[in-house]
């Protein structure tokens, strides 16, 4: 399955997970390590919000959840949230 997905997507490899939440967890923990910081939308699926609010801090990954903002305010708002080790920014 994974080899076929990689070929279909034009990638070198693929990873199949049992759920979308495990895929999100693997993606985030490959981008961020202990001591890193993530900025994400405050408008998340409940399971993802729980992961960001409760699970990732146990791995010493800090998460800032931002509410919806107007497009012209997005970049200044991100810059205010950015920290020394901001590893990922995921806003709609």
N, C-alpha and C. Protein backbone atom coordinates (compact mmCIF):
# COMPACT_ATOMS: atom_id res chain seq x y z
N UNK A 1 0.83 -1.20 0.00
CA UNK A 1 0.00 0.00 0.00
C UNK A 1 0.87 1.25 0.00
N UNK A 2 1.83 1.30 0.90
CA UNK A 2 2.67 2.50 1.01
C UNK A 2 3.50 2.73 -0.25
N UNK A 3 4.04 1.66 -0.81
CA UNK A 3 4.82 1.80 -2.04
C UNK A 3 3.95 2.31 -3.18
N UNK A 4 2.74 1.80 -3.28
CA UNK A 4 1.83 2.24 -4.34
C UNK A 4 1.42 3.70 -4.16
N UNK A 5 1.17 4.10 -2.92
CA UNK A 5 0.83 5.50 -2.66
C UNK A 5 1.99 6.42 -3.04
N UNK A 6 3.20 6.01 -2.71
CA UNK A 6 4.37 6.82 -3.06
C UNK A 6 4.47 6.99 -4.57
N UNK A 7 4.24 5.91 -5.31
CA UNK A 7 4.30 5.99 -6.78
C UNK A 7 3.20 6.91 -7.30
N UNK A 8 1.97 6.76 -6.78
CA UNK A 8 0.85 7.59 -7.22
C UNK A 8 1.10 9.07 -6.97
N UNK A 9 1.73 9.38 -5.83
CA UNK A 9 1.97 10.78 -5.47
C UNK A 9 3.29 11.31 -5.98
N UNK A 10 4.09 10.45 -6.60
CA UNK A 10 5.38 10.88 -7.11
C UNK A 10 6.42 11.09 -6.02
N UNK A 11 6.21 10.44 -4.90
CA UNK A 11 7.14 10.58 -3.78
C UNK A 11 8.15 9.44 -3.72
N UNK A 12 9.09 9.56 -2.82
CA UNK A 12 10.08 8.51 -2.64
C UNK A 12 9.61 7.47 -1.64
N UNK A 13 8.68 7.85 -0.77
CA UNK A 13 8.14 6.92 0.23
C UNK A 13 6.79 7.44 0.71
N UNK A 14 6.06 6.59 1.38
CA UNK A 14 4.79 6.97 1.97
C UNK A 14 4.63 6.22 3.29
N UNK A 15 3.77 6.72 4.14
CA UNK A 15 3.51 6.07 5.42
C UNK A 15 2.00 6.03 5.63
N UNK A 16 1.46 4.85 5.82
CA UNK A 16 0.04 4.69 6.11
C UNK A 16 -0.14 4.59 7.62
N UNK A 17 -1.13 5.30 8.14
CA UNK A 17 -1.42 5.25 9.58
C UNK A 17 -2.85 4.75 9.78
N UNK A 18 -3.14 4.38 11.00
CA UNK A 18 -4.46 3.83 11.32
C UNK A 18 -5.54 4.91 11.40
N UNK A 19 -5.13 6.16 11.59
CA UNK A 19 -6.12 7.24 11.70
C UNK A 19 -5.50 8.56 11.27
N UNK A 20 -6.37 9.51 11.05
CA UNK A 20 -5.91 10.85 10.72
C UNK A 20 -5.17 11.49 11.88
N UNK A 21 -5.61 11.21 13.11
CA UNK A 21 -4.93 11.77 14.28
C UNK A 21 -3.50 11.25 14.40
N UNK A 22 -3.29 9.98 14.12
CA UNK A 22 -1.92 9.47 14.18
C UNK A 22 -1.08 10.08 13.07
N UNK A 23 -1.68 10.36 11.92
CA UNK A 23 -0.95 11.02 10.83
C UNK A 23 -0.56 12.44 11.25
N UNK A 24 -1.48 13.16 11.88
CA UNK A 24 -1.20 14.52 12.35
C UNK A 24 -0.09 14.49 13.40
N UNK A 25 -0.19 13.57 14.35
CA UNK A 25 0.83 13.46 15.40
C UNK A 25 2.21 13.19 14.79
N UNK A 26 2.29 12.26 13.86
CA UNK A 26 3.57 11.94 13.23
C UNK A 26 4.12 13.13 12.44
N UNK A 27 3.24 13.83 11.73
CA UNK A 27 3.69 14.99 10.96
C UNK A 27 4.25 16.08 11.87
N UNK A 28 3.53 16.38 12.94
CA UNK A 28 3.97 17.44 13.86
C UNK A 28 5.26 17.04 14.57
N UNK A 29 5.35 15.80 15.05
CA UNK A 29 6.55 15.40 15.78
C UNK A 29 7.75 15.22 14.86
N UNK A 30 7.55 15.15 13.55
CA UNK A 30 8.67 15.17 12.62
C UNK A 30 9.12 16.59 12.32
N UNK A 31 8.23 17.56 12.48
CA UNK A 31 8.58 18.96 12.26
C UNK A 31 9.14 19.62 13.52
N UNK A 32 8.63 19.23 14.67
CA UNK A 32 8.98 19.90 15.92
C UNK A 32 9.56 18.91 16.91
N UNK A 33 10.48 19.40 17.72
CA UNK A 33 11.10 18.60 18.77
C UNK A 33 10.92 19.31 20.11
N UNK A 34 11.33 18.67 21.18
CA UNK A 34 11.25 19.28 22.50
C UNK A 34 11.91 20.64 22.48
N UNK A 35 11.21 21.63 23.03
CA UNK A 35 11.72 23.00 23.06
C UNK A 35 11.24 23.84 21.89
N UNK A 36 10.60 23.24 20.90
CA UNK A 36 10.11 23.98 19.75
C UNK A 36 8.73 24.57 20.03
N UNK A 37 8.30 25.42 19.13
CA UNK A 37 7.05 26.16 19.26
C UNK A 37 6.28 26.04 17.95
N UNK A 38 4.96 25.89 18.05
CA UNK A 38 4.08 25.80 16.89
C UNK A 38 3.00 26.86 17.02
N UNK A 39 2.67 27.51 15.92
CA UNK A 39 1.52 28.42 15.87
C UNK A 39 0.47 27.74 15.00
N UNK A 40 -0.74 27.60 15.51
CA UNK A 40 -1.80 26.93 14.76
C UNK A 40 -3.11 27.68 14.93
N UNK A 41 -4.02 27.41 14.04
CA UNK A 41 -5.35 28.00 14.09
C UNK A 41 -6.07 27.54 15.36
N UNK A 42 -6.86 28.43 15.93
CA UNK A 42 -7.69 28.07 17.06
C UNK A 42 -8.95 27.35 16.62
N UNK A 43 -9.20 27.28 15.32
CA UNK A 43 -10.38 26.62 14.77
C UNK A 43 -9.99 25.24 14.26
N UNK A 44 -9.77 24.33 15.17
CA UNK A 44 -9.31 22.99 14.82
C UNK A 44 -10.35 21.94 15.15
N UNK A 45 -10.25 20.80 14.49
CA UNK A 45 -11.02 19.62 14.87
C UNK A 45 -10.70 19.32 16.34
N UNK A 46 -11.70 18.90 17.10
CA UNK A 46 -11.55 18.69 18.54
C UNK A 46 -10.38 17.81 18.93
N UNK A 47 -10.17 16.72 18.20
CA UNK A 47 -9.06 15.83 18.53
C UNK A 47 -7.71 16.49 18.31
N UNK A 48 -7.61 17.31 17.27
CA UNK A 48 -6.36 18.01 16.99
C UNK A 48 -6.12 19.07 18.05
N UNK A 49 -7.18 19.75 18.46
CA UNK A 49 -7.05 20.76 19.51
C UNK A 49 -6.57 20.10 20.81
N UNK A 50 -7.12 18.96 21.14
CA UNK A 50 -6.68 18.23 22.34
C UNK A 50 -5.21 17.85 22.23
N UNK A 51 -4.80 17.36 21.05
CA UNK A 51 -3.39 17.03 20.82
C UNK A 51 -2.52 18.25 21.07
N UNK A 52 -2.92 19.40 20.52
CA UNK A 52 -2.11 20.60 20.64
C UNK A 52 -2.12 21.19 22.05
N UNK A 53 -3.26 21.13 22.72
CA UNK A 53 -3.37 21.73 24.06
C UNK A 53 -2.80 20.85 25.17
N UNK A 54 -2.92 19.53 25.02
CA UNK A 54 -2.59 18.65 26.15
C UNK A 54 -1.45 17.67 25.89
N UNK A 55 -1.40 17.10 24.69
CA UNK A 55 -0.40 16.07 24.43
C UNK A 55 0.96 16.65 24.08
N UNK A 56 1.00 17.57 23.13
CA UNK A 56 2.29 18.12 22.71
C UNK A 56 3.04 18.81 23.84
N UNK A 57 2.37 19.55 24.76
CA UNK A 57 3.12 20.11 25.89
C UNK A 57 3.81 19.04 26.75
N UNK A 58 3.27 17.83 26.78
CA UNK A 58 3.94 16.75 27.53
C UNK A 58 5.26 16.36 26.86
N UNK A 59 5.41 16.68 25.58
CA UNK A 59 6.65 16.44 24.84
C UNK A 59 7.50 17.71 24.78
N UNK A 60 7.14 18.70 25.61
CA UNK A 60 7.83 19.99 25.68
C UNK A 60 7.80 20.72 24.33
N UNK A 61 6.66 20.58 23.62
CA UNK A 61 6.42 21.34 22.40
C UNK A 61 5.33 22.35 22.72
N UNK A 62 5.67 23.62 22.65
CA UNK A 62 4.74 24.68 23.00
C UNK A 62 3.87 25.03 21.79
N UNK A 63 2.58 25.22 22.03
CA UNK A 63 1.64 25.53 20.93
C UNK A 63 0.90 26.81 21.26
N UNK A 64 0.86 27.73 20.31
CA UNK A 64 0.03 28.92 20.40
C UNK A 64 -1.11 28.76 19.43
N UNK A 65 -2.35 28.78 19.94
CA UNK A 65 -3.53 28.69 19.08
C UNK A 65 -4.07 30.09 18.85
N UNK A 66 -4.17 30.46 17.58
CA UNK A 66 -4.66 31.78 17.22
C UNK A 66 -6.08 31.68 16.70
N UNK A 67 -6.92 32.63 17.07
CA UNK A 67 -8.27 32.70 16.53
C UNK A 67 -8.23 33.14 15.08
N UNK A 68 -9.37 33.09 14.43
CA UNK A 68 -9.45 33.55 13.04
C UNK A 68 -9.12 35.04 12.99
N UNK A 69 -8.34 35.40 11.99
CA UNK A 69 -7.98 36.81 11.80
C UNK A 69 -8.20 37.18 10.34
N UNK A 70 -8.41 38.45 10.10
CA UNK A 70 -8.55 38.91 8.72
C UNK A 70 -7.21 38.77 8.02
N UNK A 71 -7.24 38.51 6.72
CA UNK A 71 -6.03 38.22 5.96
C UNK A 71 -4.96 39.30 6.11
N UNK A 72 -5.35 40.59 6.08
CA UNK A 72 -4.35 41.65 6.16
C UNK A 72 -3.70 41.74 7.54
N UNK A 73 -4.30 41.12 8.55
CA UNK A 73 -3.72 41.11 9.89
C UNK A 73 -2.94 39.83 10.17
N UNK A 74 -2.98 38.88 9.25
CA UNK A 74 -2.39 37.57 9.49
C UNK A 74 -0.89 37.64 9.74
N UNK A 75 -0.13 38.23 8.85
CA UNK A 75 1.33 38.26 8.99
C UNK A 75 1.79 39.00 10.25
N UNK A 76 1.25 40.21 10.53
CA UNK A 76 1.66 40.86 11.78
C UNK A 76 1.31 40.03 13.02
N UNK A 77 0.18 39.34 12.98
CA UNK A 77 -0.21 38.50 14.11
C UNK A 77 0.72 37.32 14.30
N UNK A 78 1.16 36.73 13.20
CA UNK A 78 2.11 35.62 13.27
C UNK A 78 3.43 36.10 13.85
N UNK A 79 3.89 37.25 13.38
CA UNK A 79 5.18 37.77 13.86
C UNK A 79 5.14 38.03 15.36
N UNK A 80 4.00 38.45 15.88
CA UNK A 80 3.88 38.67 17.33
C UNK A 80 3.94 37.36 18.11
N UNK A 81 3.51 36.26 17.50
CA UNK A 81 3.48 34.97 18.18
C UNK A 81 4.79 34.20 18.03
N UNK A 82 5.56 34.55 17.02
CA UNK A 82 6.78 33.80 16.71
C UNK A 82 7.75 33.85 17.89
N UNK A 83 8.38 32.71 18.15
CA UNK A 83 9.37 32.62 19.21
C UNK A 83 10.68 32.13 18.59
N UNK A 84 11.71 32.03 19.39
CA UNK A 84 13.02 31.62 18.89
C UNK A 84 13.04 30.30 18.15
N UNK A 85 12.22 29.34 18.60
CA UNK A 85 12.23 28.01 17.97
C UNK A 85 10.85 27.68 17.42
N UNK A 86 10.26 28.58 16.65
CA UNK A 86 8.98 28.29 16.01
C UNK A 86 9.23 27.37 14.83
N UNK A 87 8.72 26.14 14.94
CA UNK A 87 9.01 25.10 13.96
C UNK A 87 7.93 25.00 12.89
N UNK A 88 6.72 25.39 13.20
CA UNK A 88 5.63 25.20 12.25
C UNK A 88 4.58 26.28 12.44
N UNK A 89 4.04 26.73 11.33
CA UNK A 89 2.94 27.69 11.36
C UNK A 89 1.84 27.12 10.48
N UNK A 90 0.69 26.83 11.05
CA UNK A 90 -0.41 26.21 10.33
C UNK A 90 -1.68 26.99 10.59
N UNK A 91 -1.99 27.94 9.72
CA UNK A 91 -3.19 28.75 9.86
C UNK A 91 -3.98 28.68 8.56
N UNK A 92 -5.32 28.62 8.67
CA UNK A 92 -6.12 28.61 7.43
C UNK A 92 -6.12 29.97 6.77
